[in-house]
């Protein structure tokens, strides 16, 4: 068994509220994918038992990094 990100693997649909305006935030993917033009093709670099995702508010465009705890598969 291995640990995988439940958001990347579409196991769970995680929802967050924006701390600025209270609206729903949507997952924009792994933070690593925004480092440069080719970072989506790089090997996945995780933080131990967590996967770092970027969430964006649907109303005010506030962005926030969120650590997603991996689950056993």
PDB file of N, CA and C in Angstrom:
ATOM      1  N   UNK A   1       0.835  -1.189   0.000  1.00  0.00           N
ATOM      2  CA  UNK A   1       0.000   0.000   0.000  1.00  0.00           C
ATOM      3  C   UNK A   1       0.875   1.247   0.000  1.00  0.00           C
ATOM      4  N   UNK A   2       0.343   2.279  -0.596  1.00  0.00           N
ATOM      5  CA  UNK A   2       1.075   3.540  -0.636  1.00  0.00           C
ATOM      6  C   UNK A   2       0.142   4.689  -0.272  1.00  0.00           C
ATOM      7  N   UNK A   3       0.750   5.797   0.090  1.00  0.00           N
ATOM      8  CA  UNK A   3      -0.036   6.986   0.417  1.00  0.00           C
ATOM      9  C   UNK A   3      -0.190   7.831  -0.837  1.00  0.00           C
ATOM     10  N   UNK A   4      -1.431   8.275  -1.074  1.00  0.00           N
ATOM     11  CA  UNK A   4      -1.723   9.104  -2.244  1.00  0.00           C
ATOM     12  C   UNK A   4      -2.557  10.306  -1.818  1.00  0.00           C
ATOM     13  N   UNK A   5      -2.515  11.331  -2.616  1.00  0.00           N
ATOM     14  CA  UNK A   5      -3.318  12.525  -2.345  1.00  0.00           C
ATOM     15  C   UNK A   5      -4.764  12.255  -2.762  1.00  0.00           C
ATOM     16  N   UNK A   6      -5.719  12.421  -1.848  1.00  0.00           N
ATOM     17  CA  UNK A   6      -7.118  12.165  -2.194  1.00  0.00           C
ATOM     18  C   UNK A   6      -7.703  13.184  -3.170  1.00  0.00           C
ATOM     19  N   UNK A   7      -7.100  14.360  -3.262  1.00  0.00           N
ATOM     20  CA  UNK A   7      -7.588  15.374  -4.196  1.00  0.00           C
ATOM     21  C   UNK A   7      -7.036  15.104  -5.596  1.00  0.00           C
ATOM     22  N   UNK A   8      -5.735  14.859  -5.704  1.00  0.00           N
ATOM     23  CA  UNK A   8      -5.124  14.556  -7.005  1.00  0.00           C
ATOM     24  C   UNK A   8      -5.747  13.314  -7.634  1.00  0.00           C
ATOM     25  N   UNK A   9      -6.087  12.343  -6.798  1.00  0.00           N
ATOM     26  CA  UNK A   9      -6.621  11.072  -7.285  1.00  0.00           C
ATOM     27  C   UNK A   9      -8.146  11.012  -7.273  1.00  0.00           C
ATOM     28  N   UNK A  10      -8.786  12.151  -7.035  1.00  0.00           N
ATOM     29  CA  UNK A  10     -10.246  12.288  -7.061  1.00  0.00           C
ATOM     30  C   UNK A  10     -10.965  11.290  -6.153  1.00  0.00           C
ATOM     31  N   UNK A  11     -10.372  11.017  -4.988  1.00  0.00           N
ATOM     32  CA  UNK A  11     -10.992  10.148  -3.985  1.00  0.00           C
ATOM     33  C   UNK A  11     -11.967  10.960  -3.145  1.00  0.00           C
ATOM     34  N   UNK A  12     -11.567  12.169  -2.775  1.00  0.00           N
ATOM     35  CA  UNK A  12     -12.402  13.072  -1.980  1.00  0.00           C
ATOM     36  C   UNK A  12     -12.534  14.411  -2.691  1.00  0.00           C
ATOM     37  N   UNK A  13     -13.688  15.022  -2.531  1.00  0.00           N
ATOM     38  CA  UNK A  13     -13.916  16.373  -3.028  1.00  0.00           C
ATOM     39  C   UNK A  13     -13.846  17.299  -1.821  1.00  0.00           C
ATOM     40  N   UNK A  14     -12.709  17.946  -1.641  1.00  0.00           N
ATOM     41  CA  UNK A  14     -12.493  18.787  -0.469  1.00  0.00           C
ATOM     42  C   UNK A  14     -12.908  20.217  -0.795  1.00  0.00           C
ATOM     43  N   UNK A  15     -13.704  20.797   0.085  1.00  0.00           N
ATOM     44  CA  UNK A  15     -14.197  22.164  -0.118  1.00  0.00           C
ATOM     45  C   UNK A  15     -13.733  23.057   1.033  1.00  0.00           C
ATOM     46  N   UNK A  16     -13.325  24.264   0.666  1.00  0.00           N
ATOM     47  CA  UNK A  16     -12.905  25.250   1.647  1.00  0.00           C
ATOM     48  C   UNK A  16     -13.676  26.539   1.424  1.00  0.00           C
ATOM     49  N   UNK A  17     -13.827  27.299   2.492  1.00  0.00           N
ATOM     50  CA  UNK A  17     -14.428  28.634   2.423  1.00  0.00           C
ATOM     51  C   UNK A  17     -13.298  29.656   2.463  1.00  0.00           C
ATOM     52  N   UNK A  18     -13.442  30.702   1.691  1.00  0.00           N
ATOM     53  CA  UNK A  18     -12.459  31.780   1.635  1.00  0.00           C
ATOM     54  C   UNK A  18     -12.431  32.511   2.969  1.00  0.00           C
ATOM     55  N   UNK A  19     -11.238  32.722   3.493  1.00  0.00           N
ATOM     56  CA  UNK A  19     -11.130  33.434   4.772  1.00  0.00           C
ATOM     57  C   UNK A  19     -11.263  34.949   4.600  1.00  0.00           C
ATOM     58  N   UNK A  20     -11.248  35.407   3.351  1.00  0.00           N
ATOM     59  CA  UNK A  20     -11.414  36.838   3.088  1.00  0.00           C
ATOM     60  C   UNK A  20     -12.889  37.230   2.934  1.00  0.00           C
ATOM     61  N   UNK A  21     -13.666  36.415   2.189  1.00  0.00           N
ATOM     62  CA  UNK A  21     -15.056  36.802   1.911  1.00  0.00           C
ATOM     63  C   UNK A  21     -16.082  35.717   2.241  1.00  0.00           C
ATOM     64  N   UNK A  22     -15.627  34.499   2.559  1.00  0.00           N
ATOM     65  CA  UNK A  22     -16.541  33.426   2.930  1.00  0.00           C
ATOM     66  C   UNK A  22     -17.107  32.618   1.775  1.00  0.00           C
ATOM     67  N   UNK A  23     -16.747  32.955   0.547  1.00  0.00           N
ATOM     68  CA  UNK A  23     -17.237  32.211  -0.617  1.00  0.00           C
ATOM     69  C   UNK A  23     -16.474  30.898  -0.773  1.00  0.00           C
ATOM     70  N   UNK A  24     -16.966  30.057  -1.666  1.00  0.00           N
ATOM     71  CA  UNK A  24     -16.324  28.762  -1.901  1.00  0.00           C
ATOM     72  C   UNK A  24     -15.006  28.942  -2.642  1.00  0.00           C
ATOM     73  N   UNK A  25     -14.021  28.123  -2.258  1.00  0.00           N
ATOM     74  CA  UNK A  25     -12.739  28.111  -2.951  1.00  0.00           C
ATOM     75  C   UNK A  25     -12.656  26.823  -3.762  1.00  0.00           C
ATOM     76  N   UNK A  26     -12.015  26.908  -4.929  1.00  0.00           N
ATOM     77  CA  UNK A  26     -11.858  25.728  -5.765  1.00  0.00           C
ATOM     78  C   UNK A  26     -10.387  25.349  -5.859  1.00  0.00           C
ATOM     79  N   UNK A  27     -10.139  24.063  -6.008  1.00  0.00           N
ATOM     80  CA  UNK A  27      -8.783  23.540  -6.121  1.00  0.00           C
ATOM     81  C   UNK A  27      -8.229  23.874  -7.499  1.00  0.00           C
ATOM     82  N   UNK A  28      -7.051  24.476  -7.535  1.00  0.00           N
ATOM     83  CA  UNK A  28      -6.389  24.809  -8.792  1.00  0.00           C
ATOM     84  C   UNK A  28      -5.244  23.852  -9.096  1.00  0.00           C
ATOM     85  N   UNK A  29      -5.107  22.793  -8.293  1.00  0.00           N
ATOM     86  CA  UNK A  29      -4.063  21.803  -8.541  1.00  0.00           C
ATOM     87  C   UNK A  29      -2.910  21.906  -7.561  1.00  0.00           C
ATOM     88  N   UNK A  30      -1.908  21.075  -7.822  1.00  0.00           N
ATOM     89  CA  UNK A  30      -0.723  21.075  -6.965  1.00  0.00           C
ATOM     90  C   UNK A  30       0.049  22.379  -7.131  1.00  0.00           C
ATOM     91  N   UNK A  31       0.527  22.920  -6.049  1.00  0.00           N
ATOM     92  CA  UNK A  31       1.297  24.179  -6.066  1.00  0.00           C
ATOM     93  C   UNK A  31       2.522  24.041  -6.965  1.00  0.00           C
ATOM     94  N   UNK A  32       3.116  22.859  -6.976  1.00  0.00           N
ATOM     95  CA  UNK A  32       4.317  22.598  -7.764  1.00  0.00           C
ATOM     96  C   UNK A  32       4.094  22.880  -9.254  1.00  0.00           C
ATOM     97  N   UNK A  33       2.882  22.725  -9.735  1.00  0.00           N
ATOM     98  CA  UNK A  33       2.592  22.920 -11.152  1.00  0.00           C
ATOM     99  C   UNK A  33       2.711  24.379 -11.589  1.00  0.00           C
ATOM    100  N   UNK A  34       2.820  25.296 -10.643  1.00  0.00           N
ATOM    101  CA  UNK A  34       2.886  26.724 -10.954  1.00  0.00           C
ATOM    102  C   UNK A  34       4.299  27.304 -10.853  1.00  0.00           C
ATOM    103  N   UNK A  35       5.300  26.462 -10.597  1.00  0.00           N
ATOM    104  CA  UNK A  35       6.668  26.959 -10.430  1.00  0.00           C
ATOM    105  C   UNK A  35       7.254  27.489 -11.739  1.00  0.00           C
ATOM    106  N   UNK A  36       7.068  26.760 -12.850  1.00  0.00           N
ATOM    107  CA  UNK A  36       7.555  27.204 -14.152  1.00  0.00           C
ATOM    108  C   UNK A  36       6.769  26.498 -15.254  1.00  0.00           C
ATOM    109  N   UNK A  37       7.096  26.767 -16.508  1.00  0.00           N
ATOM    110  CA  UNK A  37       6.337  26.212 -17.634  1.00  0.00           C
ATOM    111  C   UNK A  37       6.389  24.693 -17.721  1.00  0.00           C
ATOM    112  N   UNK A  38       7.434  24.078 -17.177  1.00  0.00           N
ATOM    113  CA  UNK A  38       7.608  22.635 -17.310  1.00  0.00           C
ATOM    114  C   UNK A  38       7.409  21.874 -16.005  1.00  0.00           C
ATOM    115  N   UNK A  39       7.034  22.545 -14.945  1.00  0.00           N
ATOM    116  CA  UNK A  39       6.953  21.894 -13.633  1.00  0.00           C
ATOM    117  C   UNK A  39       5.861  20.831 -13.554  1.00  0.00           C
ATOM    118  N   UNK A  40       4.830  20.897 -14.390  1.00  0.00           N
ATOM    119  CA  UNK A  40       3.790  19.855 -14.383  1.00  0.00           C
ATOM    120  C   UNK A  40       4.362  18.514 -14.833  1.00  0.00           C
ATOM    121  N   UNK A  41       5.463  18.553 -15.593  1.00  0.00           N
ATOM    122  CA  UNK A  41       6.106  17.327 -16.070  1.00  0.00           C
ATOM    123  C   UNK A  41       7.183  16.817 -15.123  1.00  0.00           C
ATOM    124  N   UNK A  42       7.527  17.592 -14.108  1.00  0.00           N
ATOM    125  CA  UNK A  42       8.557  17.191 -13.148  1.00  0.00           C
ATOM    126  C   UNK A  42       8.039  16.090 -12.234  1.00  0.00           C
ATOM    127  N   UNK A  43       8.946  15.325 -11.619  1.00  0.00           N
ATOM    128  CA  UNK A  43       8.506  14.354 -10.606  1.00  0.00           C
ATOM    129  C   UNK A  43       7.784  15.084  -9.476  1.00  0.00           C
ATOM    130  N   UNK A  44       6.843  14.407  -8.842  1.00  0.00           N
ATOM    131  CA  UNK A  44       6.073  15.023  -7.761  1.00  0.00           C
ATOM    132  C   UNK A  44       6.930  15.122  -6.510  1.00  0.00           C
ATOM    133  N   UNK A  45       7.059  16.334  -5.982  1.00  0.00           N
ATOM    134  CA  UNK A  45       7.781  16.569  -4.732  1.00  0.00           C
ATOM    135  C   UNK A  45       6.759  16.922  -3.665  1.00  0.00           C
ATOM    136  N   UNK A  46       6.561  16.016  -2.733  1.00  0.00           N
ATOM    137  CA  UNK A  46       5.583  16.224  -1.676  1.00  0.00           C
ATOM    138  C   UNK A  46       6.263  16.574  -0.367  1.00  0.00           C
ATOM    139  N   UNK A  47       5.448  17.000   0.577  1.00  0.00           N
ATOM    140  CA  UNK A  47       5.928  17.338   1.913  1.00  0.00           C
ATOM    141  C   UNK A  47       5.521  16.201   2.837  1.00  0.00           C
ATOM    142  N   UNK A  48       6.303  15.125   2.845  1.00  0.00           N
ATOM    143  CA  UNK A  48       6.010  13.982   3.714  1.00  0.00           C
ATOM    144  C   UNK A  48       4.666  13.359   3.434  1.00  0.00           C
ATOM    145  N   UNK A  49       3.775  13.420   4.399  1.00  0.00           N
ATOM    146  CA  UNK A  49       2.447  12.819   4.286  1.00  0.00           C
ATOM    147  C   UNK A  49       1.418  13.781   3.701  1.00  0.00           C
ATOM    148  N   UNK A  50       1.879  14.871   3.095  1.00  0.00           N
ATOM    149  CA  UNK A  50       0.964  15.896   2.588  1.00  0.00           C
ATOM    150  C   UNK A  50       1.273  16.254   1.139  1.00  0.00           C
ATOM    151  N   UNK A  51       0.256  16.757   0.459  1.00  0.00           N
ATOM    152  CA  UNK A  51       0.384  17.260  -0.904  1.00  0.00           C
ATOM    153  C   UNK A  51      -0.060  18.725  -0.855  1.00  0.00           C
ATOM    154  N   UNK A  52       0.755  19.625  -1.367  1.00  0.00           N
ATOM    155  CA  UNK A  52       0.466  21.056  -1.305  1.00  0.00           C
ATOM    156  C   UNK A  52      -0.362  21.489  -2.519  1.00  0.00           C
ATOM    157  N   UNK A  53      -1.575  21.979  -2.250  1.00  0.00           N
ATOM    158  CA  UNK A  53      -2.482  22.425  -3.310  1.00  0.00           C
ATOM    159  C   UNK A  53      -2.734  23.918  -3.204  1.00  0.00           C
ATOM    160  N   UNK A  54      -3.115  24.507  -4.332  1.00  0.00           N
ATOM    161  CA  UNK A  54      -3.469  25.916  -4.396  1.00  0.00           C
ATOM    162  C   UNK A  54      -4.983  26.015  -4.576  1.00  0.00           C
ATOM    163  N   UNK A  55      -5.646  26.754  -3.685  1.00  0.00           N
ATOM    164  CA  UNK A  55      -7.085  26.979  -3.776  1.00  0.00           C
ATOM    165  C   UNK A  55      -7.338  28.445  -4.087  1.00  0.00           C
ATOM    166  N   UNK A  56      -8.358  28.701  -4.925  1.00  0.00           N
ATOM    167  CA  UNK A  56      -8.690  30.066  -5.339  1.00  0.00           C
ATOM    168  C   UNK A  56     -10.168  30.335  -5.077  1.00  0.00           C
ATOM    169  N   UNK A  57     -10.454  31.503  -4.513  1.00  0.00           N
ATOM    170  CA  UNK A  57     -11.827  31.905  -4.228  1.00  0.00           C
ATOM    171  C   UNK A  57     -12.574  32.193  -5.531  1.00  0.00           C
ATOM    172  N   UNK A  58     -13.821  31.721  -5.596  1.00  0.00           N
ATOM    173  CA  UNK A  58     -14.637  31.927  -6.797  1.00  0.00           C
ATOM    174  C   UNK A  58     -15.187  33.350  -6.893  1.00  0.00           C
ATOM    175  N   UNK A  59     -15.119  34.093  -5.791  1.00  0.00           N
ATOM    176  CA  UNK A  59     -15.682  35.450  -5.790  1.00  0.00           C
ATOM    177  C   UNK A  59     -14.608  36.541  -5.804  1.00  0.00           C
ATOM    178  N   UNK A  60     -13.688  36.496  -4.843  1.00  0.00           N
ATOM    179  CA  UNK A  60     -12.714  37.592  -4.710  1.00  0.00           C
ATOM    180  C   UNK A  60     -11.328  37.248  -5.261  1.00  0.00           C
ATOM    181  N   UNK A  61     -11.141  36.026  -5.763  1.00  0.00           N
ATOM    182  CA  UNK A  61      -9.876  35.561  -6.354  1.00  0.00           C
ATOM    183  C   UNK A  61      -8.730  35.424  -5.356  1.00  0.00           C
ATOM    184  N   UNK A  62      -9.026  35.451  -4.047  1.00  0.00           N
ATOM    185  CA  UNK A  62      -7.999  35.210  -3.034  1.00  0.00           C
ATOM    186  C   UNK A  62      -7.446  33.802  -3.242  1.00  0.00           C
ATOM    187  N   UNK A  63      -6.134  33.646  -3.121  1.00  0.00           N
ATOM    188  CA  UNK A  63      -5.496  32.341  -3.301  1.00  0.00           C
ATOM    189  C   UNK A  63      -4.818  31.922  -2.010  1.00  0.00           C
ATOM    190  N   UNK A  64      -4.871  30.623  -1.725  1.00  0.00           N
ATOM    191  CA  UNK A  64      -4.300  30.106  -0.488  1.00  0.00           C
ATOM    192  C   UNK A  64      -3.716  28.718  -0.719  1.00  0.00           C
ATOM    193  N   UNK A  65      -2.508  28.498  -0.179  1.00  0.00           N
ATOM    194  CA  UNK A  65      -1.888  27.175  -0.198  1.00  0.00           C
ATOM    195  C   UNK A  65      -2.509  26.333   0.903  1.00  0.00           C
ATOM    196  N   UNK A  66      -2.787  25.066   0.598  1.00  0.00           N
ATOM    197  CA  UNK A  66      -3.398  24.171   1.573  1.00  0.00           C
ATOM    198  C   UNK A  66      -2.716  22.816   1.523  1.00  0.00           C
ATOM    199  N   UNK A  67      -2.314  22.318   2.687  1.00  0.00           N
ATOM    200  CA  UNK A  67      -1.733  20.984   2.770  1.00  0.00           C
ATOM    201  C   UNK A  67      -2.854  19.955   2.855  1.00  0.00           C
ATOM    202  N   UNK A  68      -2.844  18.995   1.938  1.00  0.00           N
ATOM    203  CA  UNK A  68      -3.832  17.925   1.909  1.00  0.00           C
ATOM    204  C   UNK A  68      -3.160  16.657   2.423  1.00  0.00           C
ATOM    205  N   UNK A  69      -3.735  16.065   3.459  1.00  0.00           N
ATOM    206  CA  UNK A  69      -3.171  14.849   4.046  1.00  0.00           C
ATOM    207  C   UNK A  69      -3.413  13.655   3.129  1.00  0.00           C
ATOM    208  N   UNK A  70      -2.354  12.912   2.851  1.00  0.00           N
ATOM    209  CA  UNK A  70      -2.457  11.723   2.003  1.00  0.00           C
ATOM    210  C   UNK A  70      -3.176  10.594   2.736  1.00  0.00           C
ATOM    211  N   UNK A  71      -3.762   9.682   1.950  1.00  0.00           N
ATOM    212  CA  UNK A  71      -4.465   8.524   2.498  1.00  0.00           C
ATOM    213  C   UNK A  71      -3.820   7.250   1.960  1.00  0.00           C
ATOM    214  N   UNK A  72      -4.001   6.158   2.691  1.00  0.00           N
ATOM    215  CA  UNK A  72      -3.462   4.864   2.268  1.00  0.00           C
ATOM    216  C   UNK A  72      -4.346   4.270   1.180  1.00  0.00           C
ATOM    217  N   UNK A  73      -3.717   3.744   0.158  1.00  0.00           N
ATOM    218  CA  UNK A  73      -4.440   3.057  -0.929  1.00  0.00           C
ATOM    219  C   UNK A  73      -3.895   1.661  -1.090  1.00  0.00           C
TER     220      UNK A  73
END
